Amino acid sequence: MLERYYPVHTQEELQTFTQTYVPFVLNQLEVFRIDYLKNRLYGDHLGLQVLSAEEFEAVNKSLLGIAKLVNRGVIHSRRNNIYKFNQFPKFKDIEIQSIEIFEPKPGVDLTKLKPGIEHIAFKAENFDNFLVNLKKNKLPIDKEDTSNSDKFFKSKLINMVEIEFRNDFLWKKFDK
């Protein structure tokens, strides 16, 4: 079971991962010519892909030691839970506030999935203008949903980094 390799068992493990992963992501933002300070991007969440129901349960159990479950959901016929971290892991001034874990979609070829941290998300303070500018600059966008109040888009997976940009913090709409 790969579950033991996911960096979510302790706060220290998560913080160590963040200290390594976020600089890698910031480097990719530079490649995309995105200044996270100028564009007022704030750390939001990590997306973690597991490969089975058993891994989902094991990761859920680990996360409950360092985070609060704020939404138990189902998206595309697969479980998708969202947790708010008890203590936000951070790199410099970027705090990662939450994590979502998701099972594989039914019938998917598991060899095509990237298990582990699949993406990182940032909240863009001025989302609509930010999206317009990135489209002008031809950012490679893989997925976009701007049809409702929960707006987001994701970059293509490049150099093992996929970045999601949002108009809100994912966990806040569920944490009452």
Protein backbone atom coordinates (compact mmCIF):
# COMPACT_ATOMS: atom_id res chain seq x y z
CA MET A 1 0.00 0.00 0.00
CA LEU A 2 1.43 3.40 -1.03
CA GLU A 3 -0.39 5.19 1.81
CA ARG A 4 2.71 5.14 3.99
CA TYR A 5 4.54 7.35 1.46
CA TYR A 6 2.04 10.21 1.58
CA PRO A 7 3.36 13.12 3.72
CA VAL A 8 0.34 13.48 6.01
CA HIS A 9 1.03 11.33 9.06
CA THR A 10 2.36 14.05 11.38
CA GLN A 11 2.53 17.82 11.46
CA GLU A 12 6.33 17.60 11.21
CA GLU A 13 6.18 15.38 8.14
CA LEU A 14 3.71 17.73 6.46
CA GLN A 15 5.83 20.78 7.31
CA THR A 16 8.97 19.11 5.92
CA PHE A 17 7.13 18.25 2.71
CA THR A 18 5.85 21.84 2.41
CA GLN A 19 9.37 23.22 2.84
CA THR A 20 10.48 21.13 -0.15
CA TYR A 21 7.41 21.22 -2.39
CA VAL A 22 6.40 24.90 -2.25
CA PRO A 23 9.79 26.22 -3.51
CA PHE A 24 9.49 23.76 -6.41
CA VAL A 25 6.01 25.15 -7.18
CA LEU A 26 7.22 28.76 -6.87
CA ASN A 27 9.91 27.95 -9.41
CA GLN A 28 7.20 26.72 -11.79
CA LEU A 29 5.24 29.95 -11.20
CA GLU A 30 8.37 31.85 -12.28
CA VAL A 31 8.54 29.72 -15.44
CA PHE A 32 4.91 30.74 -16.10
CA ARG A 33 5.96 34.39 -15.38
CA ILE A 34 3.56 34.61 -12.44
CA ASP A 35 4.67 36.73 -9.49
CA TYR A 36 2.70 35.35 -6.55
CA LEU A 37 3.22 38.51 -4.47
CA LYS A 38 2.24 40.96 -7.21
CA ASN A 39 -0.78 38.84 -8.11
CA ARG A 40 -1.73 38.43 -4.45
CA LEU A 41 -1.86 34.65 -4.46
CA TYR A 42 -2.46 32.93 -1.13
CA GLY A 43 -1.82 29.30 -0.27
CA ASP A 44 -5.03 27.30 -0.22
CA HIS A 45 -4.83 23.50 -0.42
CA LEU A 46 -3.02 20.40 -1.55
CA GLY A 47 -4.77 17.76 -3.62
CA LEU A 48 -3.83 14.17 -2.78
CA GLN A 49 -4.64 11.28 -5.14
CA VAL A 50 -4.86 7.82 -3.57
CA LEU A 51 -5.08 4.59 -5.55
CA SER A 52 -7.72 2.62 -3.65
CA ALA A 53 -10.53 2.71 -1.10
CA GLU A 54 -8.15 1.16 1.45
CA GLU A 55 -5.59 3.94 0.92
CA PHE A 56 -8.36 6.52 1.20
CA GLU A 57 -9.35 5.13 4.60
CA ALA A 58 -5.74 5.01 5.83
CA VAL A 59 -5.02 8.58 4.70
CA ASN A 60 -8.30 9.76 6.23
CA LYS A 61 -7.25 8.25 9.56
CA SER A 62 -3.83 9.96 9.39
CA LEU A 63 -5.32 13.31 8.47
CA LEU A 64 -7.73 13.25 11.40
CA GLY A 65 -4.66 13.51 13.65
CA ILE A 66 -3.56 16.82 12.09
CA ALA A 67 -6.71 18.26 10.52
CA LYS A 68 -10.46 18.67 10.87
CA LEU A 69 -12.74 17.02 8.31
CA VAL A 70 -14.87 19.87 6.90
CA ASN A 71 -16.52 18.08 3.97
CA ARG A 72 -17.21 14.45 3.17
CA GLY A 73 -18.05 14.55 -0.52
CA VAL A 74 -18.48 12.56 -3.70
CA ILE A 75 -17.33 14.01 -7.03
CA HIS A 76 -17.38 12.04 -10.30
CA SER A 77 -18.61 8.94 -8.41
CA ARG A 78 -15.60 8.87 -6.08
CA ARG A 79 -15.06 10.00 -2.50
CA ASN A 80 -13.48 13.42 -2.12
CA ASN A 81 -12.92 14.72 1.41
CA ILE A 82 -11.69 18.15 2.45
CA TYR A 83 -9.80 18.81 5.69
CA LYS A 84 -8.67 22.05 7.31
CA PHE A 85 -5.25 21.72 8.92
CA ASN A 86 -5.12 22.33 12.67
CA GLN A 87 -1.81 24.10 12.13
CA PHE A 88 -1.09 25.48 8.66
CA PRO A 89 2.20 24.20 7.22
CA LYS A 90 4.07 27.03 5.58
CA PHE A 91 7.01 28.08 3.49
CA LYS A 92 7.98 31.71 4.05
CA ASP A 93 4.66 33.58 3.87
CA ILE A 94 2.72 30.88 2.02
CA GLU A 95 0.44 28.87 4.27
CA ILE A 96 -1.28 25.72 3.07
CA GLN A 97 -4.63 25.77 4.84
CA SER A 98 -6.26 22.52 3.79
CA ILE A 99 -6.03 19.30 1.84
CA GLU A 100 -8.45 17.33 -0.29
CA ILE A 101 -8.06 13.62 -0.83
CA PHE A 102 -9.73 11.72 -3.63
CA GLU A 103 -10.14 8.16 -4.76
CA PRO A 104 -9.62 7.11 -8.37
CA LYS A 105 -12.57 7.64 -10.70
CA PRO A 106 -14.41 4.34 -11.32
CA GLY A 107 -12.88 2.39 -14.20
CA VAL A 108 -9.77 4.56 -14.51
CA ASP A 109 -6.46 2.95 -15.48
CA LEU A 110 -4.53 3.22 -12.20
CA THR A 111 -1.20 3.21 -14.06
CA LYS A 112 -2.15 6.59 -15.56
CA LEU A 113 -2.66 8.25 -12.14
CA LYS A 114 -0.04 10.15 -10.18
CA PRO A 115 -0.44 8.95 -6.58
CA GLY A 116 0.41 11.40 -3.84
CA ILE A 117 0.22 15.18 -3.93
CA GLU A 118 -1.32 15.78 -7.32
CA HIS A 119 -1.74 19.55 -7.20
CA ILE A 120 -1.42 22.68 -5.11
CA ALA A 121 -4.02 25.44 -5.11
CA PHE A 122 -3.72 29.17 -4.58
CA LYS A 123 -6.48 31.70 -3.98
CA ALA A 124 -6.15 34.64 -6.37
CA GLU A 125 -7.39 37.85 -4.77
CA ASN A 126 -8.62 39.26 -8.08
CA PHE A 127 -9.50 36.00 -9.78
CA ASP A 128 -11.30 37.26 -12.90
CA ASN A 129 -8.56 39.74 -13.92
CA PHE A 130 -5.88 37.18 -13.04
CA LEU A 131 -7.49 34.58 -15.33
CA VAL A 132 -7.84 37.07 -18.22
CA ASN A 133 -4.15 38.02 -17.94
CA LEU A 134 -2.98 34.42 -17.80
CA LYS A 135 -5.05 33.52 -20.86
CA LYS A 136 -3.49 36.48 -22.70
CA ASN A 137 -0.07 35.14 -21.75
CA LYS A 138 -1.11 31.66 -22.95
CA LEU A 139 -0.77 29.81 -19.65
CA PRO A 140 -1.35 26.13 -20.46
CA ILE A 141 -4.74 25.54 -18.82
CA ASP A 142 -5.94 21.96 -18.45
CA LYS A 143 -9.29 22.45 -16.69
CA GLU A 144 -11.48 25.46 -16.02
CA ASP A 145 -14.77 25.99 -14.21
CA THR A 146 -15.89 29.58 -13.91
CA SER A 147 -19.62 28.94 -14.22
CA ASN A 148 -20.65 29.49 -10.61
CA SER A 149 -19.50 31.23 -7.46
CA ASP A 150 -16.82 28.56 -6.91
CA LYS A 151 -14.41 29.47 -9.73
CA PHE A 152 -11.12 27.73 -10.48
CA PHE A 153 -8.74 26.65 -13.21
CA LYS A 154 -5.77 24.29 -13.30
CA SER A 155 -2.56 24.42 -15.25
CA LYS A 156 -1.46 21.43 -17.26
CA LEU A 157 0.89 19.08 -15.44
CA ILE A 158 4.34 20.45 -16.28
CA ASN A 159 7.57 19.34 -14.60
CA MET A 160 5.49 17.25 -12.19
CA VAL A 161 3.62 20.37 -10.98
CA GLU A 162 -0.07 21.07 -11.48
CA ILE A 163 -1.31 24.36 -10.04
CA GLU A 164 -4.92 25.25 -9.34
CA PHE A 165 -6.02 28.86 -8.98
CA ARG A 166 -9.24 29.66 -7.14
CA ASN A 167 -11.47 32.61 -6.29
CA ASP A 168 -11.94 31.36 -2.72
CA PHE A 169 -10.43 29.12 -0.07
CA LEU A 170 -11.77 25.62 -0.65
CA TRP A 171 -12.32 24.66 2.99
CA LYS A 172 -14.08 27.89 4.02
CA LYS A 173 -17.31 27.16 2.19
CA PHE A 174 -17.73 23.97 4.24
CA ASP A 175 -16.41 24.99 7.68
CA LYS A 176 -19.41 26.32 9.57
